[in-house]
């Protein structure tokens, strides 16, 4: 029936609209530090079973196929691509990139709970603590790293050791250890915005450790991880999504034309 065509094509247009939103979000974050691209997955809907496969026909034979009419599609899930992004050398001693698996753990000042990020653009707040983001609104790294007022230089080793050189001293002394967080299913993390994620039942419990141990990546000072969005791929997806949307809209128009033709039938 052409009425069903309208509803089926409408589900395709709604799902493709959400895909377009996802592509737009990826493209908007092509320059966001450590951003991870999202991908939309679809699944088909309920089928109207007109004839089941394996039905006995008039000759008492089992039919090899049946007749099923699908009723459209819907969005199944949104997956996050946690593949490694490229590195950018910033020459900033407080910029740190994670080479491999792992997230920085920072404290949410509202809840006091840990949230997690791949963005290592650290700064120092008024208390001398390393924070992610601006010094005014940044979230404190956990475990905290406290820098003295007279520090001159900071070195962050690949294993997370933080050492400083103080005024009037030529030697570096270790003041702390940066740890990384790891999840068995990072795709199950809840996206909070501001480059932050929070733990969920789907992600599994957090496992903390020093960089370079238990499957965790290492740290690269003076580097920032760039977004892993591939602009060319996103533009191709944008074109194919637009064309798919147009095809579904044409199916709606075709169904409408058939209904109009039926309504205009006259008995002579």
C-alpha atoms as a PDB file:
ATOM      1  CA  UNK A   1       0.000   0.000   0.000  1.00  0.00           C
ATOM      2  CA  UNK A   2       1.225   3.489  -0.821  1.00  0.00           C
ATOM      3  CA  UNK A   3       0.285   4.658   2.695  1.00  0.00           C
ATOM      4  CA  UNK A   4       2.870   2.271   4.108  1.00  0.00           C
ATOM      5  CA  UNK A   5       5.398   3.655   1.628  1.00  0.00           C
ATOM      6  CA  UNK A   6       4.996   7.099   3.167  1.00  0.00           C
ATOM      7  CA  UNK A   7       5.659   5.883   6.718  1.00  0.00           C
ATOM      8  CA  UNK A   8       8.536   3.600   5.695  1.00  0.00           C
ATOM      9  CA  UNK A   9      10.311   6.331   3.751  1.00  0.00           C
ATOM     10  CA  UNK A  10       9.700   8.743   6.635  1.00  0.00           C
ATOM     11  CA  UNK A  11      11.667   6.477   9.005  1.00  0.00           C
ATOM     12  CA  UNK A  12      14.557   6.589   6.567  1.00  0.00           C
ATOM     13  CA  UNK A  13      14.459  10.376   6.424  1.00  0.00           C
ATOM     14  CA  UNK A  14      14.367  10.663  10.222  1.00  0.00           C
ATOM     15  CA  UNK A  15      17.316   8.291  10.636  1.00  0.00           C
ATOM     16  CA  UNK A  16      19.325  10.047   7.931  1.00  0.00           C
ATOM     17  CA  UNK A  17      18.642  13.391   9.588  1.00  0.00           C
ATOM     18  CA  UNK A  18      20.305  12.055  12.743  1.00  0.00           C
ATOM     19  CA  UNK A  19      23.227  10.808  10.663  1.00  0.00           C
ATOM     20  CA  UNK A  20      23.555  14.260   9.143  1.00  0.00           C
ATOM     21  CA  UNK A  21      23.642  15.728  12.664  1.00  0.00           C
ATOM     22  CA  UNK A  22      26.446  13.314  13.583  1.00  0.00           C
ATOM     23  CA  UNK A  23      28.478  14.207  10.497  1.00  0.00           C
ATOM     24  CA  UNK A  24      28.004  17.910  11.208  1.00  0.00           C
ATOM     25  CA  UNK A  25      29.218  17.384  14.784  1.00  0.00           C
ATOM     26  CA  UNK A  26      32.319  15.552  13.549  1.00  0.00           C
ATOM     27  CA  UNK A  27      33.137  18.307  11.066  1.00  0.00           C
ATOM     28  CA  UNK A  28      32.546  21.013  13.673  1.00  0.00           C
ATOM     29  CA  UNK A  29      35.097  19.313  15.960  1.00  0.00           C
ATOM     30  CA  UNK A  30      37.779  18.720  13.338  1.00  0.00           C
ATOM     31  CA  UNK A  31      40.093  21.057  15.308  1.00  0.00           C
ATOM     32  CA  UNK A  32      39.019  20.047  18.828  1.00  0.00           C
ATOM     33  CA  UNK A  33      41.863  18.673  20.937  1.00  0.00           C
ATOM     34  CA  UNK A  34      41.701  14.857  21.233  1.00  0.00           C
ATOM     35  CA  UNK A  35      38.148  14.735  19.828  1.00  0.00           C
ATOM     36  CA  UNK A  36      36.980  11.258  18.834  1.00  0.00           C
ATOM     37  CA  UNK A  37      34.708  10.901  15.814  1.00  0.00           C
ATOM     38  CA  UNK A  38      31.237   9.374  16.133  1.00  0.00           C
ATOM     39  CA  UNK A  39      29.504   6.950  13.796  1.00  0.00           C
ATOM     40  CA  UNK A  40      25.789   6.204  13.561  1.00  0.00           C
ATOM     41  CA  UNK A  41      24.555   2.604  13.172  1.00  0.00           C
ATOM     42  CA  UNK A  42      21.163   1.648  11.760  1.00  0.00           C
ATOM     43  CA  UNK A  43      18.917  -1.393  12.055  1.00  0.00           C
ATOM     44  CA  UNK A  44      15.838  -2.471  10.106  1.00  0.00           C
ATOM     45  CA  UNK A  45      12.407  -2.408  11.742  1.00  0.00           C
ATOM     46  CA  UNK A  46       9.615  -4.948  12.121  1.00  0.00           C
ATOM     47  CA  UNK A  47       8.621  -6.973   9.040  1.00  0.00           C
ATOM     48  CA  UNK A  48       5.096  -7.618   7.824  1.00  0.00           C
ATOM     49  CA  UNK A  49       5.170 -11.355   7.120  1.00  0.00           C
ATOM     50  CA  UNK A  50       2.841 -12.041   4.202  1.00  0.00           C
ATOM     51  CA  UNK A  51       4.161 -15.550   3.632  1.00  0.00           C
ATOM     52  CA  UNK A  52       6.586 -17.354   5.905  1.00  0.00           C
ATOM     53  CA  UNK A  53       9.508 -19.290   4.404  1.00  0.00           C
ATOM     54  CA  UNK A  54       9.021 -23.029   4.648  1.00  0.00           C
ATOM     55  CA  UNK A  55       5.264 -22.851   4.071  1.00  0.00           C
ATOM     56  CA  UNK A  56       3.749 -25.954   2.464  1.00  0.00           C
ATOM     57  CA  UNK A  57       2.481 -25.195  -1.058  1.00  0.00           C
ATOM     58  CA  UNK A  58      -0.255 -26.889  -3.090  1.00  0.00           C
ATOM     59  CA  UNK A  59       2.161 -29.684  -4.096  1.00  0.00           C
ATOM     60  CA  UNK A  60       3.078 -30.310  -0.431  1.00  0.00           C
ATOM     61  CA  UNK A  61       6.536 -28.859  -0.930  1.00  0.00           C
ATOM     62  CA  UNK A  62       8.211 -26.422   1.409  1.00  0.00           C
ATOM     63  CA  UNK A  63       8.626 -23.001  -0.163  1.00  0.00           C
ATOM     64  CA  UNK A  64      12.299 -21.960  -0.228  1.00  0.00           C
ATOM     65  CA  UNK A  65      11.510 -18.300   0.448  1.00  0.00           C
ATOM     66  CA  UNK A  66       8.757 -16.230   1.916  1.00  0.00           C
ATOM     67  CA  UNK A  67       7.287 -12.762   1.442  1.00  0.00           C
ATOM     68  CA  UNK A  68       8.224 -10.123   3.973  1.00  0.00           C
ATOM     69  CA  UNK A  69       7.794  -6.381   3.675  1.00  0.00           C
ATOM     70  CA  UNK A  70      10.047  -4.248   5.848  1.00  0.00           C
ATOM     71  CA  UNK A  71       8.660  -1.238   7.659  1.00  0.00           C
ATOM     72  CA  UNK A  72      11.714   0.988   7.602  1.00  0.00           C
ATOM     73  CA  UNK A  73      14.785   1.720   9.669  1.00  0.00           C
ATOM     74  CA  UNK A  74      15.882   3.365  12.896  1.00  0.00           C
ATOM     75  CA  UNK A  75      19.082   4.407  14.649  1.00  0.00           C
ATOM     76  CA  UNK A  76      20.555   1.516  16.611  1.00  0.00           C
ATOM     77  CA  UNK A  77      23.508   3.176  18.323  1.00  0.00           C
ATOM     78  CA  UNK A  78      26.231   5.784  18.126  1.00  0.00           C
ATOM     79  CA  UNK A  79      29.769   4.411  18.236  1.00  0.00           C
ATOM     80  CA  UNK A  80      32.859   6.413  19.092  1.00  0.00           C
ATOM     81  CA  UNK A  81      36.084   5.857  17.196  1.00  0.00           C
ATOM     82  CA  UNK A  82      38.830   5.890  19.848  1.00  0.00           C
ATOM     83  CA  UNK A  83      41.658   5.419  17.368  1.00  0.00           C
ATOM     84  CA  UNK A  84      44.780   7.502  17.913  1.00  0.00           C
ATOM     85  CA  UNK A  85      44.747  11.050  16.588  1.00  0.00           C
ATOM     86  CA  UNK A  86      47.779  12.752  15.105  1.00  0.00           C
ATOM     87  CA  UNK A  87      50.173  14.708  17.337  1.00  0.00           C
ATOM     88  CA  UNK A  88      50.925  18.424  17.168  1.00  0.00           C
ATOM     89  CA  UNK A  89      54.157  19.805  18.621  1.00  0.00           C
ATOM     90  CA  UNK A  90      53.183  22.875  20.651  1.00  0.00           C
ATOM     91  CA  UNK A  91      56.500  23.489  22.493  1.00  0.00           C
ATOM     92  CA  UNK A  92      54.397  24.098  25.613  1.00  0.00           C
ATOM     93  CA  UNK A  93      55.837  22.247  28.608  1.00  0.00           C
ATOM     94  CA  UNK A  94      52.361  21.739  30.112  1.00  0.00           C
ATOM     95  CA  UNK A  95      50.917  20.115  26.977  1.00  0.00           C
ATOM     96  CA  UNK A  96      50.838  16.313  27.176  1.00  0.00           C
ATOM     97  CA  UNK A  97      49.484  13.739  24.708  1.00  0.00           C
ATOM     98  CA  UNK A  98      48.621  10.119  25.407  1.00  0.00           C
ATOM     99  CA  UNK A  99      50.316   7.783  22.941  1.00  0.00           C
ATOM    100  CA  UNK A 100      48.130   4.683  23.146  1.00  0.00           C
ATOM    101  CA  UNK A 101      45.238   3.783  25.445  1.00  0.00           C
ATOM    102  CA  UNK A 102      44.265   5.766  28.486  1.00  0.00           C
ATOM    103  CA  UNK A 103      42.519   8.867  29.808  1.00  0.00           C
ATOM    104  CA  UNK A 104      43.537  11.561  32.242  1.00  0.00           C
ATOM    105  CA  UNK A 105      41.415  11.490  35.396  1.00  0.00           C
ATOM    106  CA  UNK A 106      40.203  14.902  36.571  1.00  0.00           C
ATOM    107  CA  UNK A 107      37.842  15.934  39.349  1.00  0.00           C
ATOM    108  CA  UNK A 108      34.433  17.397  38.553  1.00  0.00           C
ATOM    109  CA  UNK A 109      34.099  20.325  41.004  1.00  0.00           C
ATOM    110  CA  UNK A 110      30.303  19.973  41.043  1.00  0.00           C
ATOM    111  CA  UNK A 111      30.086  16.309  42.047  1.00  0.00           C
ATOM    112  CA  UNK A 112      33.574  15.663  43.375  1.00  0.00           C
ATOM    113  CA  UNK A 113      33.712  12.550  41.183  1.00  0.00           C
ATOM    114  CA  UNK A 114      36.310  11.637  38.591  1.00  0.00           C
ATOM    115  CA  UNK A 115      35.638  12.366  34.940  1.00  0.00           C
ATOM    116  CA  UNK A 116      38.008  11.460  32.131  1.00  0.00           C
ATOM    117  CA  UNK A 117      39.571  13.179  29.138  1.00  0.00           C
ATOM    118  CA  UNK A 118      42.127  12.621  26.384  1.00  0.00           C
ATOM    119  CA  UNK A 119      42.873  16.348  26.148  1.00  0.00           C
ATOM    120  CA  UNK A 120      46.188  17.101  27.843  1.00  0.00           C
ATOM    121  CA  UNK A 121      46.268  20.884  27.471  1.00  0.00           C
ATOM    122  CA  UNK A 122      47.133  21.490  31.122  1.00  0.00           C
ATOM    123  CA  UNK A 123      47.460  24.825  32.889  1.00  0.00           C
ATOM    124  CA  UNK A 124      48.138  25.920  36.462  1.00  0.00           C
ATOM    125  CA  UNK A 125      45.414  27.327  38.727  1.00  0.00           C
ATOM    126  CA  UNK A 126      45.804  29.847  41.525  1.00  0.00           C
ATOM    127  CA  UNK A 127      46.674  27.053  43.976  1.00  0.00           C
ATOM    128  CA  UNK A 128      49.528  25.812  41.781  1.00  0.00           C
ATOM    129  CA  UNK A 129      47.677  22.658  40.743  1.00  0.00           C
ATOM    130  CA  UNK A 130      47.668  21.188  37.248  1.00  0.00           C
ATOM    131  CA  UNK A 131      44.220  21.495  35.712  1.00  0.00           C
ATOM    132  CA  UNK A 132      42.690  20.594  32.352  1.00  0.00           C
ATOM    133  CA  UNK A 133      41.265  23.606  30.583  1.00  0.00           C
ATOM    134  CA  UNK A 134      41.598  27.221  31.636  1.00  0.00           C
ATOM    135  CA  UNK A 135      43.156  28.087  34.981  1.00  0.00           C
ATOM    136  CA  UNK A 136      39.873  29.698  36.102  1.00  0.00           C
ATOM    137  CA  UNK A 137      37.451  26.887  35.260  1.00  0.00           C
ATOM    138  CA  UNK A 138      39.847  23.951  34.854  1.00  0.00           C
ATOM    139  CA  UNK A 139      39.344  20.589  36.510  1.00  0.00           C
ATOM    140  CA  UNK A 140      42.111  19.429  38.840  1.00  0.00           C
ATOM    141  CA  UNK A 141      44.158  16.441  37.718  1.00  0.00           C
ATOM    142  CA  UNK A 142      43.743  13.362  39.922  1.00  0.00           C
ATOM    143  CA  UNK A 143      46.087  12.398  41.584  1.00  0.00           C
ATOM    144  CA  UNK A 144      46.853  16.129  41.992  1.00  0.00           C
ATOM    145  CA  UNK A 145      50.161  17.651  40.909  1.00  0.00           C
ATOM    146  CA  UNK A 146      51.185  20.668  42.990  1.00  0.00           C
ATOM    147  CA  UNK A 147      53.721  23.089  41.503  1.00  0.00           C
ATOM    148  CA  UNK A 148      55.628  25.443  43.845  1.00  0.00           C
ATOM    149  CA  UNK A 149      55.549  29.168  43.143  1.00  0.00           C
ATOM    150  CA  UNK A 150      59.260  29.316  42.298  1.00  0.00           C
ATOM    151  CA  UNK A 151      59.270  26.572  39.649  1.00  0.00           C
ATOM    152  CA  UNK A 152      61.209  27.434  36.508  1.00  0.00           C
ATOM    153  CA  UNK A 153      60.706  24.395  34.291  1.00  0.00           C
ATOM    154  CA  UNK A 154      58.628  21.204  34.258  1.00  0.00           C
ATOM    155  CA  UNK A 155      59.456  17.858  32.700  1.00  0.00           C
ATOM    156  CA  UNK A 156      56.917  15.089  32.281  1.00  0.00           C
ATOM    157  CA  UNK A 157      58.368  11.695  31.467  1.00  0.00           C
ATOM    158  CA  UNK A 158      56.809   9.081  29.238  1.00  0.00           C
ATOM    159  CA  UNK A 159      56.041   7.079  32.394  1.00  0.00           C
ATOM    160  CA  UNK A 160      54.196  10.009  33.980  1.00  0.00           C
ATOM    161  CA  UNK A 161      56.911  11.196  36.360  1.00  0.00           C
ATOM    162  CA  UNK A 162      56.631  14.964  36.915  1.00  0.00           C
ATOM    163  CA  UNK A 163      59.814  16.816  37.844  1.00  0.00           C
ATOM    164  CA  UNK A 164      60.489  20.521  38.306  1.00  0.00           C
ATOM    165  CA  UNK A 165      63.461  22.852  38.364  1.00  0.00           C
ATOM    166  CA  UNK A 166      63.150  25.534  41.025  1.00  0.00           C
ATOM    167  CA  UNK A 167      64.665  28.993  41.037  1.00  0.00           C
ATOM    168  CA  UNK A 168      68.341  28.948  42.000  1.00  0.00           C
ATOM    169  CA  UNK A 169      68.649  25.174  41.456  1.00  0.00           C
ATOM    170  CA  UNK A 170      70.076  23.447  38.393  1.00  0.00           C
ATOM    171  CA  UNK A 171      68.740  20.010  39.353  1.00  0.00           C
ATOM    172  CA  UNK A 172      65.272  18.601  38.703  1.00  0.00           C
ATOM    173  CA  UNK A 173      63.326  17.019  41.539  1.00  0.00           C
ATOM    174  CA  UNK A 174      60.299  14.746  41.194  1.00  0.00           C
ATOM    175  CA  UNK A 175      57.094  16.111  42.687  1.00  0.00           C
ATOM    176  CA  UNK A 176      54.403  13.734  41.465  1.00  0.00           C
ATOM    177  CA  UNK A 177      53.158  10.984  39.200  1.00  0.00           C
ATOM    178  CA  UNK A 178      50.510  11.292  36.485  1.00  0.00           C
ATOM    179  CA  UNK A 179      48.298   8.234  36.202  1.00  0.00           C
ATOM    180  CA  UNK A 180      46.061   7.129  33.362  1.00  0.00           C
ATOM    181  CA  UNK A 181      42.631   5.512  33.443  1.00  0.00           C
ATOM    182  CA  UNK A 182      41.615   2.577  31.281  1.00  0.00           C
ATOM    183  CA  UNK A 183      38.235   0.961  30.591  1.00  0.00           C
ATOM    184  CA  UNK A 184      37.443  -2.459  29.157  1.00  0.00           C
ATOM    185  CA  UNK A 185      34.799  -0.840  26.916  1.00  0.00           C
ATOM    186  CA  UNK A 186      35.611   2.838  26.279  1.00  0.00           C
ATOM    187  CA  UNK A 187      32.726   3.061  23.788  1.00  0.00           C
ATOM    188  CA  UNK A 188      30.414   2.672  26.783  1.00  0.00           C
ATOM    189  CA  UNK A 189      31.611   5.929  28.348  1.00  0.00           C
ATOM    190  CA  UNK A 190      29.078   8.744  28.659  1.00  0.00           C
ATOM    191  CA  UNK A 191      29.996  11.861  26.673  1.00  0.00           C
ATOM    192  CA  UNK A 192      29.632  14.980  28.796  1.00  0.00           C
ATOM    193  CA  UNK A 193      30.992  17.612  26.433  1.00  0.00           C
ATOM    194  CA  UNK A 194      34.046  19.790  27.110  1.00  0.00           C
ATOM    195  CA  UNK A 195      36.226  16.813  26.055  1.00  0.00           C
ATOM    196  CA  UNK A 196      34.993  14.866  29.101  1.00  0.00           C
ATOM    197  CA  UNK A 197      33.651  11.353  29.631  1.00  0.00           C
ATOM    198  CA  UNK A 198      32.161   9.650  32.673  1.00  0.00           C
ATOM    199  CA  UNK A 199      32.089   6.018  33.726  1.00  0.00           C
ATOM    200  CA  UNK A 200      28.953   3.929  33.137  1.00  0.00           C
ATOM    201  CA  UNK A 201      27.908   0.339  33.714  1.00  0.00           C
ATOM    202  CA  UNK A 202      28.589  -0.307  30.018  1.00  0.00           C
ATOM    203  CA  UNK A 203      32.153   1.016  30.150  1.00  0.00           C
ATOM    204  CA  UNK A 204      33.063  -1.209  33.075  1.00  0.00           C
ATOM    205  CA  UNK A 205      34.980  -0.058  36.151  1.00  0.00           C
ATOM    206  CA  UNK A 206      37.983   2.207  35.816  1.00  0.00           C
ATOM    207  CA  UNK A 207      41.493   0.790  36.080  1.00  0.00           C
ATOM    208  CA  UNK A 208      44.179   3.287  37.083  1.00  0.00           C
ATOM    209  CA  UNK A 209      47.881   2.786  36.475  1.00  0.00           C
ATOM    210  CA  UNK A 210      51.115   4.444  35.521  1.00  0.00           C
ATOM    211  CA  UNK A 211      51.655   5.198  31.816  1.00  0.00           C
ATOM    212  CA  UNK A 212      53.393   2.371  29.984  1.00  0.00           C
ATOM    213  CA  UNK A 213      52.021  -0.364  32.278  1.00  0.00           C
ATOM    214  CA  UNK A 214      49.061  -2.791  32.095  1.00  0.00           C
ATOM    215  CA  UNK A 215      48.200  -1.866  28.516  1.00  0.00           C
ATOM    216  CA  UNK A 216      48.252   1.890  29.108  1.00  0.00           C
ATOM    217  CA  UNK A 217      49.883   4.263  26.653  1.00  0.00           C
ATOM    218  CA  UNK A 218      52.822   6.528  27.308  1.00  0.00           C
ATOM    219  CA  UNK A 219      52.954  10.312  27.633  1.00  0.00           C
ATOM    220  CA  UNK A 220      54.497  12.757  25.188  1.00  0.00           C
ATOM    221  CA  UNK A 221      55.364  16.185  26.598  1.00  0.00           C
ATOM    222  CA  UNK A 222      55.106  19.322  24.425  1.00  0.00           C
ATOM    223  CA  UNK A 223      52.513  17.509  22.311  1.00  0.00           C
ATOM    224  CA  UNK A 224      48.750  17.596  21.909  1.00  0.00           C
ATOM    225  CA  UNK A 225      46.607  14.887  20.349  1.00  0.00           C
ATOM    226  CA  UNK A 226      44.540  16.245  17.489  1.00  0.00           C
ATOM    227  CA  UNK A 227      41.032  15.236  16.485  1.00  0.00           C
ATOM    228  CA  UNK A 228      40.865  11.882  14.683  1.00  0.00           C
ATOM    229  CA  UNK A 229      38.130  13.129  12.327  1.00  0.00           C
ATOM    230  CA  UNK A 230      38.968  12.456   8.682  1.00  0.00           C
ATOM    231  CA  UNK A 231      37.443  15.439   6.807  1.00  0.00           C
ATOM    232  CA  UNK A 232      37.515  13.697   3.415  1.00  0.00           C
ATOM    233  CA  UNK A 233      35.618  10.672   4.758  1.00  0.00           C
ATOM    234  CA  UNK A 234      33.108  12.930   6.474  1.00  0.00           C
ATOM    235  CA  UNK A 235      32.496  14.884   3.251  1.00  0.00           C
ATOM    236  CA  UNK A 236      31.915  11.638   1.352  1.00  0.00           C
ATOM    237  CA  UNK A 237      29.490  10.527   4.080  1.00  0.00           C
ATOM    238  CA  UNK A 238      27.799  13.916   3.834  1.00  0.00           C
ATOM    239  CA  UNK A 239      27.217  13.501   0.097  1.00  0.00           C
ATOM    240  CA  UNK A 240      25.945   9.917   0.349  1.00  0.00           C
ATOM    241  CA  UNK A 241      23.651  10.862   3.243  1.00  0.00           C
ATOM    242  CA  UNK A 242      22.207  13.751   1.269  1.00  0.00           C
ATOM    243  CA  UNK A 243      21.573  11.534  -1.740  1.00  0.00           C
ATOM    244  CA  UNK A 244      19.967   8.851   0.437  1.00  0.00           C
ATOM    245  CA  UNK A 245      17.702  11.481   1.988  1.00  0.00           C
ATOM    246  CA  UNK A 246      16.671  12.621  -1.506  1.00  0.00           C
ATOM    247  CA  UNK A 247      15.859   9.028  -2.525  1.00  0.00           C
ATOM    248  CA  UNK A 248      13.626   8.585   0.516  1.00  0.00           C
ATOM    249  CA  UNK A 249      11.877  11.869  -0.221  1.00  0.00           C
ATOM    250  CA  UNK A 250      11.283  10.661  -3.789  1.00  0.00           C
ATOM    251  CA  UNK A 251       9.721   7.485  -2.374  1.00  0.00           C
ATOM    252  CA  UNK A 252       7.335   9.703  -0.390  1.00  0.00           C
ATOM    253  CA  UNK A 253       6.481  11.625  -3.559  1.00  0.00           C
ATOM    254  CA  UNK A 254       5.914   8.390  -5.496  1.00  0.00           C
ATOM    255  CA  UNK A 255       3.582   7.083  -2.794  1.00  0.00           C
ATOM    256  CA  UNK A 256       1.684  10.368  -2.793  1.00  0.00           C
ATOM    257  CA  UNK A 257       1.293  10.281  -6.592  1.00  0.00           C
ATOM    258  CA  UNK A 258      -0.094   6.727  -6.481  1.00  0.00           C
ATOM    259  CA  UNK A 259      -2.619   7.722  -3.807  1.00  0.00           C
ATOM    260  CA  UNK A 260      -3.603  10.742  -5.880  1.00  0.00           C
ATOM    261  CA  UNK A 261      -4.080   8.526  -8.952  1.00  0.00           C
ATOM    262  CA  UNK A 262      -6.292   6.123  -7.017  1.00  0.00           C
ATOM    263  CA  UNK A 263      -8.369   8.956  -5.576  1.00  0.00           C
ATOM    264  CA  UNK A 264      -8.955  10.341  -9.080  1.00  0.00           C
ATOM    265  CA  UNK A 265     -10.333   7.086 -10.493  1.00  0.00           C
ATOM    266  CA  UNK A 266     -13.849   7.400 -11.898  1.00  0.00           C
ATOM    267  CA  UNK A 267     -16.409   4.710 -12.687  1.00  0.00           C
ATOM    268  CA  UNK A 268     -18.011   5.140 -16.100  1.00  0.00           C
END
